[in-house]
C-alpha cells in the first residue's frame, strides 16, 4: 500500500457536506496543528462525525478542500491517506490474538519482519504481556488500547478517534482519557477526537472546537472556552453556567455595569462582549457563594439578594444548590464542603461572587441555547 507523504497541519477550507436539503457541515474552515490533540465537541447531529468521515475519506465533501500539509487529499482514496481511525466498537478481529490483530496492517502491506514494530507498539500501550490473548479475553479498556495500537502501527500522520470511549463505564473512561493523552504525547502524532462528552474533551485536548449545527461556535483551549465562552450555547454546553438577562448600564474605566432584575452587576470590560444595550451576564456555579439573607458579602463582590434555596445536594467534595430568585429563575451554586453551614431547602439566602469571575454575552441570543442537551440526547 502506498500513502501520501503528507506532513504538516490538517487544514479544512470551506468544507461543506449536504445530504439532500440538510446541511450537515456548513462551510467549515479549520486548521489542526501537526502534533496536537484536537477535539471536535458537540451533540448528535452537529456535524462532528461527518467532518471526521470526510477527513478519513469515508465521505465525499459537497464542497471545500482538505489538506495535509501542502498536499490536497480531498478526493484521495481512504487507503492512500496517511490517516487511521479508531471507532467506538474497536472493530478487532475476534479470531486473531492481540499480536496478530496489531500486525494485520503491516502484513497486509507486505512487511515481512513485523516482530519489533508489534512488540514496540504493544509496549507503548502497555499490553505486551497479553499479546497471545484473544480480544474477548480482554477488558473494554484493553480492547480500546489494542485498537489504538493497530491504528498507530501504520504510522499515520493523523489518528482519528470517533467517540472512542463511549462504550466504557465511567471509571474506565477516566483511566483511558489519561492513557490516550499519554500515548499521544509519546508518539507526537496529530490526534483528532470526536466526542459529545465535555469532560472527556477538556481532559485530553489541547484545543477544542465546539460544533453546533454544522458550524464552529468557538475554538480555543479548554480553559479559554470554559472561562470565556463566546456564546450562550458554549456557556451552557461546556459545563454549567448561570446566565441572567440584563442591560448595560454604563462603563467606567475597565469595568462595565449591567442592570439585571433590579441588581447592578459589575464585570471587567475585557470579559463583556456588548458595550451597550441588551446583555446576558454569566457566572459559573462554583464561583458563587451563599450567605444567609441579610448577611454581608466581601467588599466589592457582586450580590444578588432575595433567593430561596429550592434544592441542596451533598455530593462529598461539594454541596450543589439550586436557588430560586425573586424573578423566578433558578440559579446553581456549587460550594466546596469546608466545614461551613449547609443551607437547607427553604433557607433565604443571597448569592455573591468576585466581579472578575463574571462574563458578559450578547443579549440577543437564546439564553437557553445548549442547556437542553444532556449526555443521553447527545449520544
Protein backbone atom coordinates (compact mmCIF):
# COMPACT_ATOMS: atom_id res chain seq x y z
CA UNK A 1 0.00 0.00 0.00
CA UNK A 2 1.25 3.48 -0.82
CA UNK A 3 0.44 6.53 1.27
CA UNK A 4 0.92 10.16 0.55
CA UNK A 5 3.99 11.70 2.10
CA UNK A 6 1.98 14.46 3.71
CA UNK A 7 3.48 16.11 6.75
CA UNK A 8 2.09 19.22 8.40
CA UNK A 9 -1.12 20.73 9.68
CA UNK A 10 -4.51 19.29 8.79
CA UNK A 11 -6.44 22.09 7.05
CA UNK A 12 -10.10 22.18 6.09
CA UNK A 13 -11.16 25.05 3.82
CA UNK A 14 -14.81 25.77 3.02
CA UNK A 15 -15.66 22.16 3.87
CA UNK A 16 -19.36 21.50 3.31
CA UNK A 17 -21.49 18.36 3.31
CA UNK A 18 -25.15 18.25 2.34
CA UNK A 19 -27.48 15.28 2.47
CA UNK A 20 -30.34 16.35 0.23
CA UNK A 21 -31.68 19.60 1.68
CA UNK A 22 -29.94 19.04 5.04
CA UNK A 23 -26.56 20.72 5.56
CA UNK A 24 -24.55 18.58 7.99
CA UNK A 25 -21.31 20.59 7.74
CA UNK A 26 -21.55 24.23 6.72
CA UNK A 27 -18.55 25.97 5.10
CA UNK A 28 -16.04 24.85 7.71
CA UNK A 29 -12.59 26.49 7.88
CA UNK A 30 -10.30 24.82 10.38
CA UNK A 31 -6.57 24.31 10.92
CA UNK A 32 -5.46 21.49 13.23
CA UNK A 33 -1.76 21.92 14.09
CA UNK A 34 0.54 18.98 13.49
CA UNK A 35 1.21 17.05 16.70
CA UNK A 36 -1.77 18.46 18.61
CA UNK A 37 -4.54 16.67 20.48
CA UNK A 38 -7.62 18.30 18.98
CA UNK A 39 -11.27 17.68 19.95
CA UNK A 40 -14.42 18.25 17.92
CA UNK A 41 -17.07 18.58 20.62
CA UNK A 42 -20.80 18.72 20.07
CA UNK A 43 -24.15 16.99 20.37
CA UNK A 44 -25.60 14.41 17.99
CA UNK A 45 -26.28 15.92 14.56
CA UNK A 46 -23.85 18.84 14.93
CA UNK A 47 -21.64 17.61 12.06
CA UNK A 48 -18.59 16.40 14.00
CA UNK A 49 -18.67 12.77 12.84
CA UNK A 50 -19.44 13.81 9.25
CA UNK A 51 -16.36 16.07 9.38
CA UNK A 52 -14.27 13.14 10.62
CA UNK A 53 -15.58 10.88 7.87
CA UNK A 54 -14.64 13.46 5.22
CA UNK A 55 -11.11 13.69 6.63
CA UNK A 56 -10.78 9.88 6.57
CA UNK A 57 -12.16 9.65 3.03
CA UNK A 58 -15.27 7.68 4.01
CA UNK A 59 -17.48 10.61 2.94
CA UNK A 60 -17.05 12.89 -0.08
CA UNK A 61 -17.44 16.64 0.59
CA UNK A 62 -20.14 18.55 -1.28
CA UNK A 63 -17.72 21.48 -1.42
CA UNK A 64 -14.40 22.57 0.04
CA UNK A 65 -10.94 21.06 0.33
CA UNK A 66 -8.87 19.01 2.76
CA UNK A 67 -5.09 19.40 3.03
CA UNK A 68 -2.42 17.54 4.96
CA UNK A 69 0.48 19.93 4.96
CA UNK A 70 0.71 21.20 1.38
CA UNK A 71 -0.86 18.06 -0.07
CA UNK A 72 -4.53 18.12 -1.02
CA UNK A 73 -6.30 14.86 -0.08
CA UNK A 74 -9.93 15.90 -0.72
CA UNK A 75 -10.58 13.14 -3.23
CA UNK A 76 -7.76 10.75 -2.36
CA UNK A 77 -8.89 7.15 -1.69
CA UNK A 78 -9.12 6.35 2.05
CA UNK A 79 -6.37 3.70 1.92
CA UNK A 80 -3.97 6.16 0.29
CA UNK A 81 -4.36 8.79 3.02
CA UNK A 82 -1.90 8.80 5.93
CA UNK A 83 -4.91 8.72 8.27
CA UNK A 84 -6.28 5.94 10.51
CA UNK A 85 -9.48 5.81 12.52
CA UNK A 86 -10.29 4.25 15.90
CA UNK A 87 -14.00 3.58 16.28
CA UNK A 88 -16.18 3.21 19.38
CA UNK A 89 -16.74 -0.51 18.71
CA UNK A 90 -12.96 -1.23 18.30
CA UNK A 91 -13.56 -3.47 15.20
CA UNK A 92 -10.99 -6.06 16.32
CA UNK A 93 -10.78 -9.46 14.65
CA UNK A 94 -12.19 -11.91 17.24
CA UNK A 95 -10.41 -14.97 15.74
CA UNK A 96 -6.94 -13.37 15.92
CA UNK A 97 -4.91 -12.88 19.08
CA UNK A 98 -3.76 -9.40 20.11
CA UNK A 99 -0.33 -9.74 18.44
CA UNK A 100 -1.88 -10.74 15.11
CA UNK A 101 -4.58 -8.07 15.33
CA UNK A 102 -1.89 -5.40 15.68
CA UNK A 103 0.34 -6.98 13.00
CA UNK A 104 -2.52 -7.27 10.49
CA UNK A 105 -2.00 -3.90 8.80
CA UNK A 106 1.76 -4.40 8.38
CA UNK A 107 1.33 -7.90 6.94
CA UNK A 108 -1.35 -6.66 4.56
CA UNK A 109 1.18 -4.14 3.24
CA UNK A 110 3.69 -6.93 2.65
CA UNK A 111 6.02 -6.18 5.58
CA UNK A 112 7.92 -9.40 6.27
CA UNK A 113 9.50 -8.85 9.68
CA UNK A 114 6.86 -7.31 11.94
CA UNK A 115 8.04 -8.54 15.35
CA UNK A 116 9.95 -5.47 16.58
CA UNK A 117 7.29 -3.00 15.44
CA UNK A 118 4.47 -5.02 17.01
CA UNK A 119 6.36 -5.52 20.27
CA UNK A 120 7.26 -1.82 20.44
CA UNK A 121 3.68 -0.65 19.87
CA UNK A 122 2.27 -3.17 22.37
CA UNK A 123 4.81 -1.88 24.90
CA UNK A 124 3.62 1.68 24.20
CA UNK A 125 0.03 0.73 25.08
CA UNK A 126 1.28 -1.48 27.95
CA UNK A 127 -0.20 -4.72 26.59
CA UNK A 128 2.90 -6.75 25.71
CA UNK A 129 2.08 -9.34 28.39
CA UNK A 130 -1.33 -10.02 26.77
CA UNK A 131 -0.11 -10.50 23.18
CA UNK A 132 -1.33 -14.10 22.91
CA UNK A 133 -4.84 -13.47 24.22
CA UNK A 134 -7.95 -13.10 22.08
CA UNK A 135 -9.96 -9.83 22.16
CA UNK A 136 -12.81 -11.47 24.11
CA UNK A 137 -10.36 -12.22 26.95
CA UNK A 138 -9.61 -8.51 27.43
CA UNK A 139 -11.49 -5.75 29.24
CA UNK A 140 -13.10 -2.93 27.27
CA UNK A 141 -10.24 -0.58 28.10
CA UNK A 142 -7.64 -3.13 26.99
CA UNK A 143 -9.52 -3.73 23.72
CA UNK A 144 -9.54 0.02 23.13
CA UNK A 145 -5.76 0.16 23.56
CA UNK A 146 -5.37 -2.70 21.07
CA UNK A 147 -7.45 -0.70 18.57
CA UNK A 148 -5.18 2.32 19.12
CA UNK A 149 -2.05 0.17 18.73
CA UNK A 150 -3.38 -1.33 15.49
CA UNK A 151 -4.02 2.15 14.11
CA UNK A 152 -0.68 3.59 15.24
CA UNK A 153 1.46 0.78 13.84
CA UNK A 154 0.70 2.00 10.31
CA UNK A 155 2.41 5.29 11.27
CA UNK A 156 -0.38 7.62 10.16
CA UNK A 157 0.11 11.38 10.13
CA UNK A 158 -3.31 11.79 11.74
CA UNK A 159 -5.21 9.48 14.10
CA UNK A 160 -8.97 10.00 14.12
CA UNK A 161 -10.84 8.94 17.26
CA UNK A 162 -14.61 8.60 16.80
CA UNK A 163 -16.29 8.55 20.25
CA UNK A 164 -13.53 6.10 21.26
CA UNK A 165 -14.51 5.76 24.94
CA UNK A 166 -18.30 5.74 24.56
CA UNK A 167 -18.66 2.02 25.31
CA UNK A 168 -16.69 2.15 28.60
CA UNK A 169 -18.02 2.70 32.10
CA UNK A 170 -17.22 5.98 33.85
CA UNK A 171 -14.21 4.86 35.91
CA UNK A 172 -12.58 3.08 32.96
CA UNK A 173 -13.33 6.03 30.69
CA UNK A 174 -11.43 8.35 33.01
CA UNK A 175 -8.45 6.00 33.12
CA UNK A 176 -8.44 5.77 29.32
CA UNK A 177 -8.58 9.56 28.96
CA UNK A 178 -5.28 9.81 30.81
CA UNK A 179 -3.88 6.82 28.88
CA UNK A 180 -4.74 8.22 25.45
CA UNK A 181 -3.23 11.58 26.35
CA UNK A 182 -0.03 9.82 27.46
CA UNK A 183 0.15 7.85 24.21
CA UNK A 184 -0.44 10.97 22.11
CA UNK A 185 2.30 12.84 23.97
CA UNK A 186 4.76 9.96 23.49
CA UNK A 187 4.16 9.41 19.76
CA UNK A 188 3.65 13.11 18.91
CA UNK A 189 1.04 12.44 16.20
CA UNK A 190 -1.96 14.61 15.44
CA UNK A 191 -4.99 13.16 17.25
CA UNK A 192 -8.45 14.39 16.21
CA UNK A 193 -11.01 13.27 18.75
CA UNK A 194 -14.77 13.43 18.15
CA UNK A 195 -16.92 13.37 21.29
CA UNK A 196 -20.12 14.66 22.87
CA UNK A 197 -18.57 14.36 26.34
CA UNK A 198 -17.41 17.78 27.58
CA UNK A 199 -15.25 16.39 30.41
CA UNK A 200 -13.56 13.97 28.02
CA UNK A 201 -12.69 16.77 25.59
CA UNK A 202 -11.41 19.05 28.36
CA UNK A 203 -9.30 16.31 29.95
CA UNK A 204 -7.48 15.26 26.80
CA UNK A 205 -7.45 18.01 24.18
CA UNK A 206 -5.03 20.90 23.76
CA UNK A 207 -7.64 22.66 21.62
CA UNK A 208 -11.41 22.18 21.39
CA UNK A 209 -13.76 23.20 18.59
CA UNK A 210 -17.34 23.36 19.89
CA UNK A 211 -19.64 22.49 16.98
CA UNK A 212 -23.30 23.37 16.61
CA UNK A 213 -25.48 22.91 13.53
CA UNK A 214 -22.55 22.25 11.20
CA UNK A 215 -20.53 25.27 12.27
CA UNK A 216 -17.88 26.01 14.88
CA UNK A 217 -19.32 28.09 17.72
CA UNK A 218 -15.95 28.66 19.36
CA UNK A 219 -12.39 27.37 19.15
CA UNK A 220 -9.78 27.50 21.89
CA UNK A 221 -8.08 25.80 24.82
CA UNK A 222 -10.31 24.07 27.41
CA UNK A 223 -9.55 26.84 29.92
CA UNK A 224 -10.32 29.61 27.44
CA UNK A 225 -13.66 28.11 26.39
CA UNK A 226 -14.71 27.46 29.99
CA UNK A 227 -13.66 30.80 31.44
CA UNK A 228 -14.58 32.98 28.44
CA UNK A 229 -17.42 31.42 26.44
CA UNK A 230 -18.30 33.48 23.37
CA UNK A 231 -21.94 32.41 23.10
CA UNK A 232 -24.75 31.17 25.33
CA UNK A 233 -24.50 27.80 23.55
CA UNK A 234 -20.86 27.35 24.61
CA UNK A 235 -21.57 28.65 28.13
CA UNK A 236 -24.39 26.13 28.59
CA UNK A 237 -22.96 23.17 26.68
CA UNK A 238 -19.43 23.25 28.09
CA UNK A 239 -20.06 22.79 31.78
CA UNK A 240 -22.85 24.68 33.51
CA UNK A 241 -23.48 28.42 33.69
CA UNK A 242 -25.81 30.83 35.45
CA UNK A 243 -26.99 33.21 32.75
CA UNK A 244 -29.10 36.25 33.67
CA UNK A 245 -30.62 38.72 31.21
CA UNK A 246 -29.90 42.41 31.75
CA UNK A 247 -28.98 45.74 30.16
CA UNK A 248 -25.62 47.50 30.05
CA UNK A 249 -25.97 50.44 32.43
CA UNK A 250 -22.58 52.05 31.95
CA UNK A 251 -18.83 51.72 31.72
CA UNK A 252 -16.21 53.33 33.90
CA UNK A 253 -12.55 52.62 33.18
CA UNK A 254 -12.22 48.90 32.59
CA UNK A 255 -15.42 47.99 34.47
CA UNK A 256 -18.87 47.52 32.89
CA UNK A 257 -22.04 47.62 34.99
CA UNK A 258 -25.10 45.64 33.96
CA UNK A 259 -28.59 46.18 35.40
CA UNK A 260 -30.36 42.84 35.94
CA UNK A 261 -33.71 42.47 37.70
CA UNK A 262 -33.07 45.44 39.97
CA UNK A 263 -29.49 44.43 40.78
CA UNK A 264 -26.31 46.03 39.49
CA UNK A 265 -23.60 43.55 38.46
CA UNK A 266 -20.04 44.60 37.66
CA UNK A 267 -17.62 42.80 35.37
CA UNK A 268 -14.35 43.54 33.54
CA UNK A 269 -14.90 45.26 30.19
CA UNK A 270 -12.46 42.75 28.64
CA UNK A 271 -14.91 39.97 29.52
CA UNK A 272 -18.05 41.79 28.35
CA UNK A 273 -18.88 41.44 24.65
CA UNK A 274 -21.63 44.07 24.35
CA UNK A 275 -20.82 47.67 25.32
CA UNK A 276 -24.44 48.87 25.25
CA UNK A 277 -28.00 47.58 25.10
CA UNK A 278 -29.14 44.07 26.00
CA UNK A 279 -26.61 41.82 27.72
CA UNK A 280 -26.51 38.42 29.37
CA UNK A 281 -24.31 38.13 32.42
CA UNK A 282 -22.83 34.75 33.25
CA UNK A 283 -21.03 33.15 36.17
CA UNK A 284 -20.10 29.51 36.73
CA UNK A 285 -21.80 27.81 39.74
CA UNK A 286 -18.53 27.01 41.54
CA UNK A 287 -17.55 30.71 41.52
CA UNK A 288 -20.67 31.67 43.54
CA UNK A 289 -21.09 31.57 47.32
CA UNK A 290 -24.10 31.83 49.60
CA UNK A 291 -24.74 33.91 52.71
CA UNK A 292 -27.87 33.96 54.85
CA UNK A 293 -30.35 36.66 53.87
CA UNK A 294 -29.17 40.00 55.24
CA UNK A 295 -25.63 38.69 55.71
CA UNK A 296 -22.62 40.62 54.47
CA UNK A 297 -20.67 39.71 51.34
CA UNK A 298 -16.99 40.63 50.90
CA UNK A 299 -16.38 44.22 49.80
CA UNK A 300 -16.66 44.71 46.07
CA UNK A 301 -18.46 41.43 45.38
CA UNK A 302 -21.50 41.22 43.13
CA UNK A 303 -24.59 40.44 45.21
CA UNK A 304 -27.97 39.03 44.22
CA UNK A 305 -30.39 39.15 47.15
CA UNK A 306 -33.80 37.59 47.78
CA UNK A 307 -33.03 33.96 46.90
CA UNK A 308 -34.63 30.88 48.46
CA UNK A 309 -32.85 27.51 48.42
CA UNK A 310 -35.05 25.09 46.45
CA UNK A 311 -32.67 22.12 46.49
CA UNK A 312 -29.45 21.11 48.26
CA UNK A 313 -27.48 18.01 47.24
CA UNK A 314 -24.46 16.90 49.28
CA UNK A 315 -22.04 15.12 46.91
CA UNK A 316 -18.93 14.78 49.07
CA UNK A 317 -16.47 17.39 47.83
CA UNK A 318 -19.21 19.97 47.39
CA UNK A 319 -22.83 20.81 48.06
CA UNK A 320 -24.81 21.73 44.98
CA UNK A 321 -27.64 24.19 45.47
CA UNK A 322 -30.49 25.44 43.36
CA UNK A 323 -31.66 28.88 44.46
CA UNK A 324 -34.99 30.38 43.30
CA UNK A 325 -34.59 34.09 42.65
CA UNK A 326 -37.37 36.73 43.03
CA UNK A 327 -37.80 36.99 39.23
CA UNK A 328 -38.50 33.22 39.01
CA UNK A 329 -35.17 31.94 37.68
CA UNK A 330 -33.29 29.13 39.44
CA UNK A 331 -29.53 29.65 39.78
CA UNK A 332 -26.96 26.95 40.62
CA UNK A 333 -24.31 27.26 43.32
CA UNK A 334 -21.58 24.64 43.93
CA UNK A 335 -19.89 25.24 47.30
CA UNK A 336 -16.91 23.22 48.50
CA UNK A 337 -17.53 21.43 51.78
CA UNK A 338 -15.03 23.15 54.04
CA UNK A 339 -17.00 22.95 57.27
CA UNK A 340 -19.30 25.95 56.76
CA UNK A 341 -23.02 25.58 57.33
CA UNK A 342 -25.13 23.78 54.75
CA UNK A 343 -28.28 25.66 53.82
CA UNK A 344 -31.46 23.56 53.78
CA UNK A 345 -34.29 23.94 51.25
CA UNK A 346 -36.43 26.91 52.22
CA UNK A 347 -33.48 28.93 53.56
CA UNK A 348 -33.43 32.59 52.48
CA UNK A 349 -30.05 33.47 51.02
CA UNK A 350 -28.08 35.94 48.93
CA UNK A 351 -25.60 34.98 46.21
CA UNK A 352 -22.24 36.72 45.87
CA UNK A 353 -19.10 36.36 43.78
CA UNK A 354 -15.95 38.18 42.65
CA UNK A 355 -16.81 40.52 39.72
CA UNK A 356 -13.73 39.34 37.81
CA UNK A 357 -15.37 35.88 37.53
CA UNK A 358 -18.31 37.34 35.57
CA UNK A 359 -18.59 37.22 31.77
CA UNK A 360 -20.97 39.19 29.56
CA UNK A 361 -22.57 37.94 26.34
CA UNK A 362 -24.63 39.49 23.57
CA UNK A 363 -28.18 39.88 24.85
CA UNK A 364 -29.78 38.99 21.51
CA UNK A 365 -29.07 35.25 21.90
CA UNK A 366 -31.28 32.47 23.20
CA UNK A 367 -30.34 32.28 26.88
CA UNK A 368 -31.23 28.57 26.92
CA UNK A 369 -29.15 27.56 23.85
CA UNK A 370 -27.22 24.38 24.57
CA UNK A 371 -28.75 23.90 28.03
CA UNK A 372 -31.33 21.36 26.91
CA UNK A 373 -28.68 18.99 25.54
CA UNK A 374 -27.77 16.27 28.03
CA UNK A 375 -25.44 13.30 27.69
CA UNK A 376 -28.17 10.88 26.68
CA UNK A 377 -29.52 13.18 23.98
CA UNK A 378 -26.03 13.75 22.69
CA UNK A 379 -25.21 10.08 22.11
